[in-house]
PDB file of N, CA and C in Angstrom:
ATOM      1  N   UNK A   1     184.328  48.573  98.099  1.00  0.00           N
ATOM      2  CA  UNK A   1     183.199  47.738  98.414  1.00  0.00           C
ATOM      3  C   UNK A   1     181.936  48.585  98.464  1.00  0.00           C
ATOM      4  N   UNK A   2     180.872  48.120  97.887  1.00  0.00           N
ATOM      5  CA  UNK A   2     179.602  48.847  97.823  1.00  0.00           C
ATOM      6  C   UNK A   2     178.805  48.606  99.096  1.00  0.00           C
ATOM      7  N   UNK A   3     178.371  49.689  99.732  1.00  0.00           N
ATOM      8  CA  UNK A   3     177.539  49.573 100.926  1.00  0.00           C
ATOM      9  C   UNK A   3     176.067  49.592 100.527  1.00  0.00           C
ATOM     10  N   UNK A   4     175.290  48.706 101.073  1.00  0.00           N
ATOM     11  CA  UNK A   4     173.857  48.725 100.800  1.00  0.00           C
ATOM     12  C   UNK A   4     173.173  49.642 101.806  1.00  0.00           C
ATOM     13  N   UNK A   5     172.130  50.295 101.386  1.00  0.00           N
ATOM     14  CA  UNK A   5     171.393  51.201 102.254  1.00  0.00           C
ATOM     15  C   UNK A   5     170.302  50.417 102.951  1.00  0.00           C
ATOM     16  N   UNK A   6     170.338  50.422 104.261  1.00  0.00           N
ATOM     17  CA  UNK A   6     169.318  49.709 105.018  1.00  0.00           C
ATOM     18  C   UNK A   6     168.232  50.649 105.508  1.00  0.00           C
ATOM     19  N   UNK A   7     168.555  51.926 105.654  1.00  0.00           N
ATOM     20  CA  UNK A   7     167.566  52.893 106.117  1.00  0.00           C
ATOM     21  C   UNK A   7     166.861  53.527 104.925  1.00  0.00           C
ATOM     22  N   UNK A   8     165.592  53.826 105.121  1.00  0.00           N
ATOM     23  CA  UNK A   8     164.839  54.505 104.066  1.00  0.00           C
ATOM     24  C   UNK A   8     165.254  55.967 104.011  1.00  0.00           C
ATOM     25  N   UNK A   9     165.072  56.576 102.841  1.00  0.00           N
ATOM     26  CA  UNK A   9     165.366  57.995 102.688  1.00  0.00           C
ATOM     27  C   UNK A   9     164.380  58.805 103.534  1.00  0.00           C
ATOM     28  N   UNK A  10     164.868  59.902 104.093  1.00  0.00           N
ATOM     29  CA  UNK A  10     163.992  60.757 104.885  1.00  0.00           C
ATOM     30  C   UNK A  10     163.013  61.463 103.962  1.00  0.00           C
ATOM     31  N   UNK A  11     161.768  61.630 104.400  1.00  0.00           N
ATOM     32  CA  UNK A  11     160.782  62.314 103.557  1.00  0.00           C
ATOM     33  C   UNK A  11     161.147  63.786 103.369  1.00  0.00           C
ATOM     34  N   UNK A  12     160.801  64.330 102.214  1.00  0.00           N
ATOM     35  CA  UNK A  12     161.088  65.742 101.957  1.00  0.00           C
ATOM     36  C   UNK A  12     159.905  66.631 102.323  1.00  0.00           C
ATOM     37  N   UNK A  13     158.749  66.021 102.583  1.00  0.00           N
ATOM     38  CA  UNK A  13     157.557  66.784 102.949  1.00  0.00           C
ATOM     39  C   UNK A  13     156.662  65.923 103.831  1.00  0.00           C
ATOM     40  N   UNK A  14     155.792  66.628 104.579  1.00  0.00           N
ATOM     41  CA  UNK A  14     154.896  65.965 105.518  1.00  0.00           C
ATOM     42  C   UNK A  14     153.474  66.486 105.380  1.00  0.00           C
ATOM     43  N   UNK A  15     152.511  65.653 105.696  1.00  0.00           N
ATOM     44  CA  UNK A  15     151.151  66.144 105.915  1.00  0.00           C
ATOM     45  C   UNK A  15     151.169  66.846 107.272  1.00  0.00           C
ATOM     46  N   UNK A  16     150.125  67.574 107.611  1.00  0.00           N
ATOM     47  CA  UNK A  16     150.096  68.250 108.908  1.00  0.00           C
ATOM     48  C   UNK A  16     150.167  67.235 110.061  1.00  0.00           C
ATOM     49  N   UNK A  17     149.413  66.133 110.019  1.00  0.00           N
ATOM     50  CA  UNK A  17     149.552  65.156 111.106  1.00  0.00           C
ATOM     51  C   UNK A  17     150.965  64.574 111.213  1.00  0.00           C
ATOM     52  N   UNK A  18     151.610  64.328 110.092  1.00  0.00           N
ATOM     53  CA  UNK A  18     152.992  63.822 110.112  1.00  0.00           C
ATOM     54  C   UNK A  18     153.945  64.866 110.678  1.00  0.00           C
ATOM     55  N   UNK A  19     153.769  66.127 110.263  1.00  0.00           N
ATOM     56  CA  UNK A  19     154.626  67.212 110.757  1.00  0.00           C
ATOM     57  C   UNK A  19     154.445  67.389 112.264  1.00  0.00           C
ATOM     58  N   UNK A  20     153.219  67.234 112.736  1.00  0.00           N
ATOM     59  CA  UNK A  20     152.957  67.329 114.170  1.00  0.00           C
ATOM     60  C   UNK A  20     153.698  66.222 114.913  1.00  0.00           C
ATOM     61  N   UNK A  21     153.679  65.038 114.360  1.00  0.00           N
ATOM     62  CA  UNK A  21     154.329  63.902 115.010  1.00  0.00           C
ATOM     63  C   UNK A  21     155.845  64.092 115.075  1.00  0.00           C
ATOM     64  N   UNK A  22     156.464  64.480 113.977  1.00  0.00           N
ATOM     65  CA  UNK A  22     157.929  64.592 113.966  1.00  0.00           C
ATOM     66  C   UNK A  22     158.429  65.822 114.712  1.00  0.00           C
ATOM     67  N   UNK A  23     157.587  66.838 114.867  1.00  0.00           N
ATOM     68  CA  UNK A  23     158.026  68.065 115.535  1.00  0.00           C
ATOM     69  C   UNK A  23     157.613  68.127 117.000  1.00  0.00           C
ATOM     70  N   UNK A  24     156.769  67.214 117.433  1.00  0.00           N
ATOM     71  CA  UNK A  24     156.221  67.211 118.799  1.00  0.00           C
ATOM     72  C   UNK A  24     155.342  68.427 119.075  1.00  0.00           C
ATOM     73  N   UNK A  25     154.801  69.022 118.018  1.00  0.00           N
ATOM     74  CA  UNK A  25     153.836  70.104 118.156  1.00  0.00           C
ATOM     75  C   UNK A  25     152.461  69.554 117.809  1.00  0.00           C
ATOM     76  N   UNK A  26     151.429  70.236 118.258  1.00  0.00           N
ATOM     77  CA  UNK A  26     150.078  69.814 117.936  1.00  0.00           C
ATOM     78  C   UNK A  26     149.658  70.284 116.552  1.00  0.00           C
ATOM     79  N   UNK A  27     148.703  69.574 115.983  1.00  0.00           N
ATOM     80  CA  UNK A  27     148.188  69.963 114.672  1.00  0.00           C
ATOM     81  C   UNK A  27     147.566  71.352 114.717  1.00  0.00           C
ATOM     82  N   UNK A  28     146.858  71.672 115.807  1.00  0.00           N
ATOM     83  CA  UNK A  28     146.230  72.993 115.932  1.00  0.00           C
ATOM     84  C   UNK A  28     147.288  74.087 115.906  1.00  0.00           C
ATOM     85  N   UNK A  29     148.403  73.854 116.588  1.00  0.00           N
ATOM     86  CA  UNK A  29     149.495  74.843 116.593  1.00  0.00           C
ATOM     87  C   UNK A  29     150.070  75.025 115.196  1.00  0.00           C
ATOM     88  N   UNK A  30     150.216  73.937 114.460  1.00  0.00           N
ATOM     89  CA  UNK A  30     150.754  74.034 113.101  1.00  0.00           C
ATOM     90  C   UNK A  30     149.777  74.766 112.182  1.00  0.00           C
ATOM     91  N   UNK A  31     148.487  74.440 112.272  1.00  0.00           N
ATOM     92  CA  UNK A  31     147.499  75.151 111.448  1.00  0.00           C
ATOM     93  C   UNK A  31     147.472  76.640 111.783  1.00  0.00           C
ATOM     94  N   UNK A  32     147.620  76.980 113.061  1.00  0.00           N
ATOM     95  CA  UNK A  32     147.671  78.390 113.470  1.00  0.00           C
ATOM     96  C   UNK A  32     148.886  79.077 112.862  1.00  0.00           C
ATOM     97  N   UNK A  33     150.040  78.421 112.914  1.00  0.00           N
ATOM     98  CA  UNK A  33     151.262  78.990 112.337  1.00  0.00           C
ATOM     99  C   UNK A  33     151.119  79.176 110.825  1.00  0.00           C
ATOM    100  N   UNK A  34     150.455  78.237 110.170  1.00  0.00           N
ATOM    101  CA  UNK A  34     150.212  78.358 108.721  1.00  0.00           C
ATOM    102  C   UNK A  34     149.309  79.560 108.452  1.00  0.00           C
ATOM    103  N   UNK A  35     148.226  79.674 109.223  1.00  0.00           N
ATOM    104  CA  UNK A  35     147.283  80.779 109.037  1.00  0.00           C
ATOM    105  C   UNK A  35     147.954  82.132 109.272  1.00  0.00           C
ATOM    106  N   UNK A  36     148.854  82.183 110.249  1.00  0.00           N
ATOM    107  CA  UNK A  36     149.559  83.426 110.577  1.00  0.00           C
ATOM    108  C   UNK A  36     150.764  83.671 109.674  1.00  0.00           C
ATOM    109  N   UNK A  37     150.965  82.801 108.677  1.00  0.00           N
ATOM    110  CA  UNK A  37     152.060  82.912 107.707  1.00  0.00           C
ATOM    111  C   UNK A  37     153.433  82.768 108.365  1.00  0.00           C
ATOM    112  N   UNK A  38     153.497  82.057 109.482  1.00  0.00           N
ATOM    113  CA  UNK A  38     154.772  81.794 110.144  1.00  0.00           C
ATOM    114  C   UNK A  38     155.369  80.487 109.645  1.00  0.00           C
ATOM    115  N   UNK A  39     154.524  79.625 109.102  1.00  0.00           N
ATOM    116  CA  UNK A  39     154.945  78.339 108.566  1.00  0.00           C
ATOM    117  C   UNK A  39     154.365  78.202 107.164  1.00  0.00           C
ATOM    118  N   UNK A  40     155.237  77.988 106.199  1.00  0.00           N
ATOM    119  CA  UNK A  40     154.792  77.860 104.813  1.00  0.00           C
ATOM    120  C   UNK A  40     154.292  76.436 104.549  1.00  0.00           C
ATOM    121  N   UNK A  41     153.108  76.344 103.977  1.00  0.00           N
ATOM    122  CA  UNK A  41     152.545  75.046 103.595  1.00  0.00           C
ATOM    123  C   UNK A  41     152.015  75.155 102.169  1.00  0.00           C
ATOM    124  N   UNK A  42     152.080  74.048 101.458  1.00  0.00           N
ATOM    125  CA  UNK A  42     151.608  73.982 100.081  1.00  0.00           C
ATOM    126  C   UNK A  42     150.255  73.292 100.080  1.00  0.00           C
ATOM    127  N   UNK A  43     149.305  73.874  99.400  1.00  0.00           N
ATOM    128  CA  UNK A  43     147.983  73.260  99.288  1.00  0.00           C
ATOM    129  C   UNK A  43     147.960  72.442  98.004  1.00  0.00           C
ATOM    130  N   UNK A  44     147.624  71.159  98.134  1.00  0.00           N
ATOM    131  CA  UNK A  44     147.497  70.282  96.970  1.00  0.00           C
ATOM    132  C   UNK A  44     146.188  69.536  97.123  1.00  0.00           C
ATOM    133  N   UNK A  45     145.217  69.921  96.309  1.00  0.00           N
ATOM    134  CA  UNK A  45     143.877  69.351  96.465  1.00  0.00           C
ATOM    135  C   UNK A  45     143.328  69.778  97.811  1.00  0.00           C
ATOM    136  N   UNK A  46     142.947  68.813  98.619  1.00  0.00           N
ATOM    137  CA  UNK A  46     142.414  69.131  99.942  1.00  0.00           C
ATOM    138  C   UNK A  46     143.472  69.028 101.034  1.00  0.00           C
ATOM    139  N   UNK A  47     144.685  68.652 100.656  1.00  0.00           N
ATOM    140  CA  UNK A  47     145.748  68.450 101.642  1.00  0.00           C
ATOM    141  C   UNK A  47     146.684  69.643 101.736  1.00  0.00           C
ATOM    142  N   UNK A  48     147.226  69.815 102.919  1.00  0.00           N
ATOM    143  CA  UNK A  48     148.297  70.781 103.129  1.00  0.00           C
ATOM    144  C   UNK A  48     149.572  69.983 103.325  1.00  0.00           C
ATOM    145  N   UNK A  49     150.595  70.364 102.598  1.00  0.00           N
ATOM    146  CA  UNK A  49     151.886  69.691 102.642  1.00  0.00           C
ATOM    147  C   UNK A  49     152.915  70.689 103.178  1.00  0.00           C
ATOM    148  N   UNK A  50     153.709  70.235 104.136  1.00  0.00           N
ATOM    149  CA  UNK A  50     154.759  71.074 104.711  1.00  0.00           C
ATOM    150  C   UNK A  50     156.100  70.451 104.337  1.00  0.00           C
ATOM    151  N   UNK A  51     156.899  71.218 103.606  1.00  0.00           N
ATOM    152  CA  UNK A  51     158.216  70.712 103.234  1.00  0.00           C
ATOM    153  C   UNK A  51     159.109  70.649 104.466  1.00  0.00           C
ATOM    154  N   UNK A  52     159.982  69.659 104.496  1.00  0.00           N
ATOM    155  CA  UNK A  52     160.905  69.484 105.627  1.00  0.00           C
ATOM    156  C   UNK A  52     161.688  70.768 105.892  1.00  0.00           C
ATOM    157  N   UNK A  53     162.190  71.394 104.835  1.00  0.00           N
ATOM    158  CA  UNK A  53     163.002  72.608 104.991  1.00  0.00           C
ATOM    159  C   UNK A  53     162.191  73.730 105.646  1.00  0.00           C
ATOM    160  N   UNK A  54     160.904  73.837 105.308  1.00  0.00           N
ATOM    161  CA  UNK A  54     160.060  74.873 105.909  1.00  0.00           C
ATOM    162  C   UNK A  54     159.758  74.564 107.371  1.00  0.00           C
ATOM    163  N   UNK A  55     159.534  73.292 107.688  1.00  0.00           N
ATOM    164  CA  UNK A  55     159.289  72.898 109.075  1.00  0.00           C
ATOM    165  C   UNK A  55     160.537  73.161 109.919  1.00  0.00           C
ATOM    166  N   UNK A  56     161.704  72.820 109.393  1.00  0.00           N
ATOM    167  CA  UNK A  56     162.951  73.059 110.131  1.00  0.00           C
ATOM    168  C   UNK A  56     163.169  74.548 110.363  1.00  0.00           C
ATOM    169  N   UNK A  57     162.914  75.377 109.351  1.00  0.00           N
ATOM    170  CA  UNK A  57     163.091  76.825 109.489  1.00  0.00           C
ATOM    171  C   UNK A  57     162.122  77.383 110.532  1.00  0.00           C
ATOM    172  N   UNK A  58     160.893  76.894 110.516  1.00  0.00           N
ATOM    173  CA  UNK A  58     159.904  77.352 111.505  1.00  0.00           C
ATOM    174  C   UNK A  58     160.354  76.985 112.922  1.00  0.00           C
ATOM    175  N   UNK A  59     160.794  75.769 113.106  1.00  0.00           N
ATOM    176  CA  UNK A  59     161.225  75.332 114.432  1.00  0.00           C
ATOM    177  C   UNK A  59     162.436  76.122 114.909  1.00  0.00           C
ATOM    178  N   UNK A  60     163.350  76.448 114.009  1.00  0.00           N
ATOM    179  CA  UNK A  60     164.533  77.249 114.375  1.00  0.00           C
ATOM    180  C   UNK A  60     164.147  78.682 114.742  1.00  0.00           C
ATOM    181  N   UNK A  61     163.031  79.174 114.198  1.00  0.00           N
ATOM    182  CA  UNK A  61     162.600  80.550 114.459  1.00  0.00           C
ATOM    183  C   UNK A  61     161.900  80.696 115.806  1.00  0.00           C
ATOM    184  N   UNK A  62     161.532  79.589 116.435  1.00  0.00           N
ATOM    185  CA  UNK A  62     160.846  79.662 117.718  1.00  0.00           C
ATOM    186  C   UNK A  62     161.821  80.108 118.810  1.00  0.00           C
ATOM    187  N   UNK A  63     161.344  80.913 119.747  1.00  0.00           N
ATOM    188  CA  UNK A  63     162.247  81.392 120.791  1.00  0.00           C
ATOM    189  C   UNK A  63     162.660  80.259 121.741  1.00  0.00           C
ATOM    190  N   UNK A  64     163.899  80.329 122.191  1.00  0.00           N
ATOM    191  CA  UNK A  64     164.392  79.349 123.175  1.00  0.00           C
ATOM    192  C   UNK A  64     163.836  79.754 124.536  1.00  0.00           C
ATOM    193  N   UNK A  65     163.499  78.776 125.330  1.00  0.00           N
ATOM    194  CA  UNK A  65     162.942  79.103 126.649  1.00  0.00           C
ATOM    195  C   UNK A  65     163.994  79.051 127.727  1.00  0.00           C
TER     196      UNK A  65
END
């Protein structure tokens, strides 16, 4: 039997505001991490795009408290 998909596919990349929302970090913190080369972002036109895999790797690299 074929199952229909009711959920949308997860995005593979985020804008900085979207990445801030899904990660519970502030946009300023994300821009700082990008500037410090701790978080990889792709520049496309005037936008910065953060791939899901890069955001996950950055979050995993943060120290546990």
